[in-house]
Structures are given as structure tokens and as C-alpha cells.
Protein backbone atom coordinates (compact mmCIF):
# COMPACT_ATOMS: atom_id res chain seq x y z
CA UNK A 1 15.05 2.82 -5.50
CA UNK A 2 12.33 4.46 -7.56
CA UNK A 3 12.89 7.83 -5.90
CA UNK A 4 16.52 7.81 -7.02
CA UNK A 5 15.48 7.39 -10.65
CA UNK A 6 13.20 10.42 -10.80
CA UNK A 7 14.83 13.48 -12.34
CA UNK A 8 12.02 16.02 -11.92
CA UNK A 9 10.15 17.58 -9.00
CA UNK A 10 7.43 15.49 -7.42
CA UNK A 11 4.34 17.41 -6.34
CA UNK A 12 1.94 14.54 -5.77
CA UNK A 13 2.58 10.98 -4.65
CA UNK A 14 -0.40 8.68 -5.09
CA UNK A 15 -0.13 5.35 -3.29
CA UNK A 16 -2.62 3.20 -5.15
CA UNK A 17 -1.79 -0.45 -4.82
CA UNK A 18 -3.57 -3.21 -3.04
CA UNK A 19 -4.09 -6.92 -2.97
CA UNK A 20 -6.28 -9.41 -1.19
CA UNK A 21 -6.92 -13.11 -1.26
CA UNK A 22 -10.69 -13.08 -1.49
CA UNK A 23 -12.24 -16.28 -0.25
CA UNK A 24 -9.28 -17.28 1.91
CA UNK A 25 -9.99 -17.38 5.62
CA UNK A 26 -7.55 -17.27 8.50
CA UNK A 27 -7.90 -21.02 9.09
CA UNK A 28 -6.77 -21.94 5.55
CA UNK A 29 -3.36 -23.54 5.14
CA UNK A 30 -2.06 -20.56 3.15
CA UNK A 31 -3.40 -17.93 5.58
CA UNK A 32 -0.03 -16.86 6.99
CA UNK A 33 1.66 -16.58 3.60
CA UNK A 34 -1.33 -14.74 2.14
CA UNK A 35 -1.41 -12.29 5.02
CA UNK A 36 2.32 -11.63 4.66
CA UNK A 37 1.83 -10.92 0.97
CA UNK A 38 -1.05 -8.56 1.66
CA UNK A 39 0.93 -6.71 4.33
CA UNK A 40 3.90 -6.34 1.97
CA UNK A 41 1.72 -4.55 -0.58
CA UNK A 42 -1.02 -2.90 1.48
CA UNK A 43 1.09 -1.71 4.42
CA UNK A 44 4.79 -1.84 3.69
CA UNK A 45 4.37 -0.80 0.04
CA UNK A 46 2.73 2.45 1.15
CA UNK A 47 5.37 2.95 3.83
CA UNK A 48 8.31 2.40 1.44
CA UNK A 49 6.89 4.72 -1.23
CA UNK A 50 6.27 7.44 1.35
CA UNK A 51 9.75 7.10 2.82
CA UNK A 52 11.30 7.21 -0.65
CA UNK A 53 9.50 10.33 -1.84
CA UNK A 54 8.49 12.45 1.17
CA UNK A 55 11.47 14.79 1.02
CA UNK A 56 10.91 15.84 -2.58
CA UNK A 57 7.15 16.09 -2.03
CA UNK A 58 7.63 18.38 0.99
CA UNK A 59 10.31 20.41 -0.80
CA UNK A 60 7.80 21.09 -3.60
CA UNK A 61 4.86 21.90 -1.27
CA UNK A 62 3.21 18.74 -2.53
CA UNK A 63 0.91 16.12 -1.07
CA UNK A 64 0.61 12.39 -0.54
CA UNK A 65 -2.65 10.57 -1.28
CA UNK A 66 -3.14 7.03 -0.04
CA UNK A 67 -5.93 5.24 -1.89
CA UNK A 68 -7.65 2.58 0.22
CA UNK A 69 -10.10 -0.10 -0.77
CA UNK A 70 -13.73 0.16 0.22
CA UNK A 71 -13.17 -3.27 1.76
CA UNK A 72 -11.33 -1.54 4.59
CA UNK A 73 -14.64 -0.04 5.72
CA UNK A 74 -16.66 -3.22 6.03
CA UNK A 75 -16.53 -6.66 7.55
CA UNK A 76 -16.52 -9.53 5.10
CA UNK A 77 -15.82 -13.09 6.21
CA UNK A 78 -14.24 -13.83 2.83
CA UNK A 79 -11.63 -11.13 3.39
CA UNK A 80 -10.34 -12.58 6.64
CA UNK A 81 -6.88 -11.09 6.59
């Protein structure tokens, strides 16, 4: 939807959104719902933005930058999902 509302060339798409449920482990009652929410933002959000804008980015010799959390590089028991 957002891509259809842009009326100028896109040269750079920056995917910079993320969420986590710090302190929630995979055995908590809300683990499945929390993981679904995190996947919606952290995985599918990036995918949907890319799919919406890639054509105009490529057409303008642009680039896509996906910003990831430093948490993706380390193990932390309190970031179970």
C-alpha cells in the first residue's frame, strides 16, 4: 500500500523496524503469540516493504538497506524467540 502512495523516485529503501519481547522465554504462556508478533515485524515487515518498493528502487539504480539488531549476533536467554 505504501508504495502506491509515493509519487517520487525512490533511490534508497531503509528497512529499520524491529520488536522483541525481552524477558519472555519460549516456555511462557504468551510465547507463540509473541513469536508471531516478532515475525510479523522482523521478518514479514522487511519482506513486504521490499516487495512493495523493489521495482522503483531498481529502476532508479538504488539500494535496499536492512537494519538488524545487535541482538541477532548474540545468544541471550531473555530473547528466546
